[in-house]
Amino acid sequence: MKTDKNYIEFIQLLKQEIIKSRYQAARLANREQLLLYYKTGKMLSEKVQAQKWGAKVLEQIAVDLQSNLPGLKGFSFTNLKKMRQFYQAYQNLEIRPSATAQIELADFSVPGTEPDLIGPLPTGQLDAFYGISFTHHILLLNRCKVVEERFFYLENAAAHCWSVTIMEHQIDADLFKKQGKLPNNFDSTLAQSLKPSALKVFKDEYLLDFIAGDELDDERHIEQQVVLNIRNFILQMGKGFCFIGNQYRLEVDGDEFFIDLLFFNRHLQCLVAFELKKGKFKPADAGQLNFYLNVLDEKIKLQQENSSIGIVLCKEKNNTVVEFAIKSFDKAMGVATYKTSKQTPVQMKGILPDTDELGKLLE
């Protein structure tokens, strides 16, 4: 029975339905939690203001809730303050009953309900709003005061399933301002339909301060760990990247060459080569990358795929030098930098190589 084709297909179908149901249940649970926290924040904000209760009333409310509902979680004094903050940030949004679970703008024809910061939410933004956790929302409220920036990270976090830690790293890296700023020659090398997508996929700067590397005596092992974690970083931070290999071997008439990191991007439908450089960008780096892209397109690229794209990832660059170095090549390429932190995050201490060591390992 277990080897019967119909049986195997039936088991796979059941598995997919179970996974789908669990995913939907998790989404619904998160949506209901956000609705509850929003409504709680609304009740607290309005009641405290109306009754002119003092600052310590939230502490008493937290204690009384715990007394009335022993074992209640998520309604501490700290969380109650966050719920009020959540409501006050989006108080111009009218939340319908949880059966419909939609956020819509209040009727602004009524005096006193004019919008402050938030505009009408399209379906995509609405789904994204419910697609991230309360912890994500509070981080965004604390770190992103400009609404456009907040919703940029909100939508990306929902679309790419960013954890809170990953989203915080993206904010630290200032992705909102840096996305689309990559020095490149895409205008003259990519099809018109691909240019906007390529600019969104690649960044001008990559944050590497949370790379995990083991302090091993064998330099080769350390390098492998660094390359592996750079790969993980790009997979987590990027959009649609599938890892093919590191030190990817190319052969040209008996000579061997190795690409540091090779990916396939599902959205761009092309191979993407990353070359790592420990120092400042040099024009020769572009020539080397152009050579790799020529070989990839001639020997590795499939007929239905788009032409390959290359990125030089270096410690620093002069954008004017980059412009002169890449503008005459007919292969699409860009030059990005990586940023590390001298101050190791507390939760990462003991597992990260320091900045100087990382620089020595990048070739």
Protein backbone atom coordinates (compact mmCIF):
# COMPACT_ATOMS: atom_id res chain seq x y z
CA MET A 1 0.00 0.00 0.00
CA LYS A 2 2.78 2.44 0.95
CA THR A 3 4.37 2.09 -2.51
CA ASP A 4 1.08 2.54 -4.40
CA LYS A 5 1.26 5.75 -6.47
CA ASN A 6 -2.31 6.83 -5.68
CA TYR A 7 -1.72 6.26 -1.97
CA ILE A 8 1.49 8.32 -1.98
CA GLU A 9 -0.26 11.14 -3.84
CA PHE A 10 -3.15 11.00 -1.35
CA ILE A 11 -0.76 11.27 1.61
CA GLN A 12 0.98 14.25 -0.01
CA LEU A 13 -2.40 15.92 -0.60
CA LEU A 14 -3.38 15.41 3.04
CA LYS A 15 -0.01 16.78 4.15
CA GLN A 16 -0.50 19.92 2.04
CA GLU A 17 -4.00 20.48 3.45
CA ILE A 18 -2.77 20.08 7.04
CA ILE A 19 0.10 22.53 6.49
CA LYS A 20 -2.21 24.97 4.73
CA SER A 21 -4.74 24.77 7.57
CA ARG A 22 -2.06 25.33 10.21
CA TYR A 23 -0.74 28.33 8.32
CA GLN A 24 -4.22 29.81 8.02
CA ALA A 25 -4.88 29.18 11.72
CA ALA A 26 -1.64 30.95 12.64
CA ARG A 27 -2.55 33.93 10.45
CA LEU A 28 -6.02 34.14 11.93
CA ALA A 29 -4.63 33.89 15.46
CA ASN A 30 -2.18 36.72 14.79
CA ARG A 31 -4.93 38.84 13.25
CA GLU A 32 -7.21 38.30 16.24
CA GLN A 33 -4.40 39.16 18.63
CA LEU A 34 -3.68 42.41 16.81
CA LEU A 35 -7.38 43.28 16.89
CA LEU A 36 -7.57 42.52 20.61
CA TYR A 37 -4.48 44.59 21.41
CA TYR A 38 -5.75 47.48 19.28
CA LYS A 39 -9.14 47.48 20.99
CA THR A 40 -7.52 47.18 24.41
CA GLY A 41 -5.27 50.13 23.60
CA LYS A 42 -8.32 52.09 22.46
CA MET A 43 -10.25 51.35 25.67
CA LEU A 44 -7.27 52.27 27.85
CA SER A 45 -6.50 55.47 25.96
CA GLU A 46 -10.07 56.74 25.95
CA LYS A 47 -10.88 55.75 29.54
CA VAL A 48 -7.69 57.16 31.06
CA GLN A 49 -8.22 60.42 29.22
CA ALA A 50 -11.92 60.67 30.07
CA GLN A 51 -11.47 59.84 33.75
CA LYS A 52 -8.20 61.78 34.07
CA TRP A 53 -6.63 58.82 35.80
CA GLY A 54 -3.00 59.15 36.89
CA ALA A 55 0.06 57.63 35.28
CA LYS A 56 0.13 54.62 37.61
CA VAL A 57 -3.34 53.40 36.67
CA LEU A 58 -1.97 51.03 34.01
CA GLU A 59 0.09 49.25 36.66
CA GLN A 60 -3.05 48.74 38.76
CA ILE A 61 -5.05 47.55 35.76
CA ALA A 62 -2.36 44.96 34.97
CA VAL A 63 -2.48 43.70 38.57
CA ASP A 64 -6.28 43.54 38.64
CA LEU A 65 -6.47 41.72 35.30
CA GLN A 66 -4.05 39.12 36.61
CA SER A 67 -6.13 38.78 39.77
CA ASN A 68 -9.35 38.30 37.82
CA LEU A 69 -7.79 36.04 35.18
CA PRO A 70 -5.02 34.01 36.91
CA GLY A 71 -2.34 32.89 34.46
CA LEU A 72 -3.24 35.60 31.94
CA LYS A 73 -0.29 36.29 29.65
CA GLY A 74 0.49 39.29 27.48
CA PHE A 75 -1.24 41.92 29.62
CA SER A 76 1.61 43.13 31.79
CA PHE A 77 2.04 46.83 32.59
CA THR A 78 4.67 47.07 29.82
CA ASN A 79 2.42 45.43 27.26
CA LEU A 80 -0.54 47.60 28.19
CA LYS A 81 1.58 50.66 27.42
CA LYS A 82 2.49 49.13 24.06
CA MET A 83 -1.17 48.44 23.28
CA ARG A 84 -2.02 52.06 23.95
CA GLN A 85 0.91 53.11 21.76
CA PHE A 86 -0.32 50.77 19.01
CA TYR A 87 -3.81 52.24 19.11
CA GLN A 88 -2.63 55.85 19.24
CA ALA A 89 -0.41 55.31 16.19
CA TYR A 90 -3.31 53.97 14.15
CA GLN A 91 -6.26 55.63 15.84
CA ASN A 92 -7.47 57.08 12.54
CA LEU A 93 -8.14 53.53 11.38
CA GLU A 94 -11.52 52.01 12.06
CA ILE A 95 -11.30 48.29 12.90
CA ARG A 96 -14.35 46.28 11.95
CA PRO A 97 -15.57 43.33 14.04
CA SER A 98 -13.21 40.36 14.02
CA ALA A 99 -15.59 38.36 11.82
CA THR A 100 -14.56 40.56 8.91
CA ALA A 101 -11.19 41.46 10.38
CA GLN A 102 -10.46 44.44 8.19
CA ILE A 103 -8.96 47.83 8.94
CA GLU A 104 -10.58 50.75 7.18
CA LEU A 105 -10.31 54.48 7.54
CA ALA A 106 -12.90 56.21 9.62
CA ASP A 107 -15.46 58.40 7.90
CA PHE A 108 -13.43 61.59 7.47
CA SER A 109 -16.51 63.55 6.48
CA VAL A 110 -17.31 63.60 10.20
CA PRO A 111 -15.65 66.58 11.96
CA GLY A 112 -12.73 65.59 14.18
CA THR A 113 -11.87 62.43 12.26
CA GLU A 114 -9.51 63.88 9.65
CA PRO A 115 -6.49 61.67 8.87
CA ASP A 116 -3.23 62.48 10.59
CA LEU A 117 -0.53 60.21 9.22
CA ILE A 118 -2.14 57.14 7.73
CA GLY A 119 -3.81 57.11 4.33
CA PRO A 120 -6.22 54.51 2.91
CA LEU A 121 -4.75 51.00 3.02
CA PRO A 122 -4.80 49.05 -0.24
CA THR A 123 -5.42 45.31 -0.02
CA GLY A 124 -1.68 44.53 -0.09
CA GLN A 125 -0.90 46.82 2.81
CA LEU A 126 -3.90 45.53 4.71
CA ASP A 127 -2.71 41.94 4.36
CA ALA A 128 0.81 42.99 5.38
CA PHE A 129 -0.54 44.83 8.43
CA TYR A 130 -2.03 41.56 9.70
CA GLY A 131 0.91 39.53 8.41
CA ILE A 132 3.41 40.59 11.08
CA SER A 133 3.38 40.15 14.83
CA PHE A 134 2.62 42.70 17.53
CA THR A 135 6.34 42.72 18.40
CA HIS A 136 7.14 43.67 14.80
CA HIS A 137 4.63 46.50 14.97
CA ILE A 138 6.03 47.93 18.20
CA LEU A 139 9.57 47.82 16.83
CA LEU A 140 8.40 49.74 13.76
CA LEU A 141 6.57 52.31 15.85
CA ASN A 142 9.68 52.88 17.99
CA ARG A 143 12.17 52.98 15.13
CA CYS A 144 10.30 54.43 12.15
CA LYS A 145 8.53 57.74 12.69
CA VAL A 146 7.95 58.37 8.97
CA VAL A 147 4.90 56.41 7.82
CA GLU A 148 6.26 55.62 4.36
CA GLU A 149 9.38 54.11 5.92
CA ARG A 150 7.32 52.14 8.44
CA PHE A 151 5.12 50.60 5.78
CA PHE A 152 8.15 49.83 3.60
CA TYR A 153 9.55 47.59 6.34
CA LEU A 154 6.09 46.32 7.29
CA GLU A 155 5.34 45.10 3.75
CA ASN A 156 8.79 43.59 3.27
CA ALA A 157 8.65 41.81 6.63
CA ALA A 158 5.29 40.27 5.72
CA ALA A 159 6.35 39.35 2.17
CA HIS A 160 9.69 37.78 3.14
CA CYS A 161 8.72 36.39 6.57
CA TRP A 162 11.39 38.43 8.36
CA SER A 163 11.88 37.66 12.01
CA VAL A 164 11.98 40.62 14.41
CA THR A 165 15.78 40.33 14.52
CA ILE A 166 16.11 40.36 10.74
CA MET A 167 13.79 43.34 10.44
CA GLU A 168 15.80 45.21 13.07
CA HIS A 169 18.98 44.54 11.11
CA GLN A 170 17.31 45.86 7.97
CA ILE A 171 16.35 49.03 9.82
CA ASP A 172 19.89 49.34 11.19
CA ALA A 173 21.19 48.95 7.63
CA ASP A 174 18.82 51.76 6.54
CA LEU A 175 17.42 49.63 3.73
CA PHE A 176 14.57 52.09 3.14
CA LYS A 177 17.02 54.76 1.97
CA LYS A 178 19.59 52.47 0.37
CA GLN A 179 17.37 50.23 -1.76
CA GLY A 180 17.61 51.29 -5.38
CA LYS A 181 20.84 53.24 -4.76
CA LEU A 182 23.22 50.51 -6.01
CA PRO A 183 25.73 51.92 -8.55
CA ASN A 184 25.05 49.84 -11.67
CA ASN A 185 24.89 49.70 -15.45
CA PHE A 186 21.40 48.17 -15.58
CA ASP A 187 20.05 50.90 -17.89
CA SER A 188 22.23 49.78 -20.78
CA THR A 189 22.38 46.04 -20.05
CA LEU A 190 18.98 44.85 -18.80
CA ALA A 191 15.64 44.55 -20.56
CA GLN A 192 13.30 47.42 -19.71
CA SER A 193 10.94 45.06 -17.89
CA LEU A 194 13.71 43.83 -15.57
CA LYS A 195 15.24 47.15 -14.48
CA PRO A 196 12.73 48.07 -11.73
CA SER A 197 12.84 44.56 -10.24
CA ALA A 198 16.64 44.43 -10.28
CA LEU A 199 16.92 47.74 -8.45
CA LYS A 200 14.57 46.44 -5.75
CA VAL A 201 16.39 43.13 -5.37
CA PHE A 202 19.89 44.53 -4.89
CA LYS A 203 21.08 46.95 -2.21
CA ASP A 204 23.84 49.52 -2.04
CA GLU A 205 25.04 48.20 1.32
CA TYR A 206 24.77 44.86 3.10
CA LEU A 207 24.88 44.63 6.88
CA LEU A 208 27.17 41.81 8.03
CA ASP A 209 27.38 42.55 11.75
CA PHE A 210 25.40 39.49 12.80
CA ILE A 211 27.41 36.89 10.90
CA ALA A 212 28.03 33.85 13.07
CA GLY A 213 31.49 32.36 12.70
CA ASP A 214 33.40 29.81 14.76
CA GLU A 215 36.84 30.71 16.09
CA LEU A 216 38.70 27.83 14.45
CA ASP A 217 42.45 27.47 14.07
CA ASP A 218 42.12 26.21 10.49
CA GLU A 219 41.87 29.29 8.27
CA ARG A 220 40.11 27.34 5.53
CA HIS A 221 37.37 26.29 7.94
CA ILE A 222 36.96 29.88 9.13
CA GLU A 223 36.67 31.09 5.54
CA GLN A 224 34.06 28.44 4.80
CA GLN A 225 32.05 29.53 7.83
CA VAL A 226 32.21 33.19 6.82
CA VAL A 227 31.16 32.42 3.24
CA LEU A 228 28.36 30.17 4.51
CA ASN A 229 27.03 32.88 6.80
CA ILE A 230 27.29 35.57 4.13
CA ARG A 231 25.19 33.23 2.01
CA ASN A 232 22.66 32.90 4.83
CA PHE A 233 22.60 36.65 5.23
CA ILE A 234 21.83 37.22 1.58
CA LEU A 235 19.20 34.49 1.59
CA GLN A 236 17.47 36.08 4.58
CA MET A 237 17.79 39.65 3.39
CA GLY A 238 17.33 39.25 -0.32
CA LYS A 239 14.28 38.55 -2.44
CA GLY A 240 13.87 35.22 -4.22
CA PHE A 241 17.49 34.04 -3.99
CA CYS A 242 18.28 30.33 -4.32
CA PHE A 243 21.83 29.32 -3.39
CA ILE A 244 23.78 27.35 -6.00
CA GLY A 245 27.25 27.23 -4.47
CA ASN A 246 30.33 28.99 -3.17
CA GLN A 247 33.67 28.82 -4.97
CA TYR A 248 31.62 27.80 -8.00
CA ARG A 249 33.96 26.26 -10.58
CA LEU A 250 34.16 27.53 -14.16
CA GLU A 251 36.38 25.89 -16.78
CA VAL A 252 37.61 27.73 -19.86
CA ASP A 253 39.77 25.73 -22.26
CA GLY A 254 41.39 23.80 -19.42
CA ASP A 255 41.83 26.74 -17.04
CA GLU A 256 39.81 26.87 -13.81
CA PHE A 257 38.14 29.90 -12.27
CA PHE A 258 35.99 30.18 -9.13
CA ILE A 259 33.06 32.48 -8.38
CA ASP A 260 32.80 33.32 -4.67
CA LEU A 261 29.01 32.99 -4.42
CA LEU A 262 26.55 31.95 -7.10
CA PHE A 263 22.77 32.26 -6.79
CA PHE A 264 19.69 32.00 -8.95
CA ASN A 265 17.03 34.67 -8.46
CA ARG A 266 13.49 33.47 -9.04
CA HIS A 267 12.05 36.94 -9.60
CA LEU A 268 14.68 38.00 -12.13
CA GLN A 269 15.01 34.48 -13.60
CA CYS A 270 18.77 34.74 -13.85
CA LEU A 271 22.04 33.64 -12.31
CA VAL A 272 23.58 36.13 -9.86
CA ALA A 273 27.30 36.09 -9.08
CA PHE A 274 28.70 37.78 -5.97
CA GLU A 275 32.41 38.53 -5.78
CA LEU A 276 33.76 39.40 -2.30
CA LYS A 277 36.57 41.92 -1.87
CA LYS A 278 38.20 42.74 1.45
CA GLY A 279 39.26 46.28 0.54
CA LYS A 280 38.24 49.17 -1.69
CA PHE A 281 36.71 48.56 -5.10
CA LYS A 282 39.20 48.60 -8.00
CA PRO A 283 38.34 48.81 -11.72
CA ALA A 284 40.02 45.44 -12.22
CA ASP A 285 37.29 43.89 -10.04
CA ALA A 286 34.71 44.84 -12.66
CA GLY A 287 36.80 43.24 -15.41
CA GLN A 288 37.06 40.01 -13.44
CA LEU A 289 33.31 39.96 -12.80
CA ASN A 290 32.53 40.69 -16.45
CA PHE A 291 34.65 37.70 -17.44
CA TYR A 292 32.72 35.45 -15.04
CA LEU A 293 29.38 36.71 -16.40
CA ASN A 294 30.46 36.03 -19.98
CA VAL A 295 31.37 32.45 -19.06
CA LEU A 296 28.15 31.94 -17.08
CA ASP A 297 26.00 33.12 -19.99
CA GLU A 298 27.92 31.02 -22.49
CA LYS A 299 28.31 27.79 -20.53
CA ILE A 300 25.92 27.69 -17.55
CA LYS A 301 22.82 29.80 -18.29
CA LEU A 302 19.80 27.92 -19.63
CA GLN A 303 18.16 29.09 -22.82
CA GLN A 304 14.97 30.33 -21.14
CA GLU A 305 16.82 32.29 -18.45
CA ASN A 306 17.76 35.96 -18.56
CA SER A 307 21.38 37.08 -18.79
CA SER A 308 23.40 36.81 -15.59
CA ILE A 309 23.93 39.70 -13.15
CA GLY A 310 27.05 40.28 -11.07
CA ILE A 311 27.63 42.17 -7.83
CA VAL A 312 31.01 43.14 -6.38
CA LEU A 313 30.70 43.22 -2.58
CA CYS A 314 33.56 45.23 -1.10
CA LYS A 315 34.51 47.14 2.03
CA GLU A 316 34.37 50.58 0.41
CA LYS A 317 33.94 52.22 -3.00
CA ASN A 318 34.12 55.49 -4.87
CA ASN A 319 30.92 55.75 -6.89
CA THR A 320 32.57 57.85 -9.62
CA VAL A 321 35.27 55.21 -10.08
CA VAL A 322 32.57 52.54 -10.16
CA GLU A 323 30.65 54.43 -12.84
CA PHE A 324 33.68 54.69 -15.13
CA ALA A 325 34.68 51.08 -14.45
CA ILE A 326 31.38 49.43 -15.36
CA LYS A 327 29.70 51.69 -17.92
CA SER A 328 31.39 50.17 -21.01
CA PHE A 329 30.62 46.54 -20.13
CA ASP A 330 27.63 44.87 -21.76
CA LYS A 331 27.01 42.58 -18.78
CA ALA A 332 24.73 43.78 -15.97
CA MET A 333 26.65 44.48 -12.78
CA GLY A 334 26.70 46.64 -9.68
CA VAL A 335 29.01 47.40 -6.78
CA ALA A 336 27.83 47.23 -3.17
CA THR A 337 29.59 47.59 0.15
CA TYR A 338 29.30 45.56 3.33
CA LYS A 339 29.03 47.11 6.76
CA THR A 340 30.12 45.53 10.02
CA SER A 341 29.83 46.72 13.61
CA LYS A 342 32.72 47.33 15.95
CA GLN A 343 30.29 46.81 18.80
CA THR A 344 29.23 43.18 18.86
CA PRO A 345 25.55 42.79 19.86
CA VAL A 346 25.26 41.32 23.36
CA GLN A 347 23.26 38.31 22.16
CA MET A 348 25.95 37.52 19.56
CA LYS A 349 29.05 37.79 21.75
CA GLY A 350 31.24 34.72 21.66
CA ILE A 351 30.04 33.56 18.24
CA LEU A 352 31.05 36.41 15.92
CA PRO A 353 34.43 37.11 14.30
CA ASP A 354 35.43 40.71 14.91
CA THR A 355 35.48 43.29 12.12
CA ASP A 356 39.23 43.12 11.49
CA GLU A 357 39.22 39.34 11.22
CA LEU A 358 36.24 39.42 8.85
CA GLY A 359 38.07 41.84 6.61
CA LYS A 360 41.08 39.50 6.44
CA LEU A 361 38.89 36.59 5.42
CA LEU A 362 37.16 38.28 2.48
CA GLU A 363 39.17 37.84 -0.65
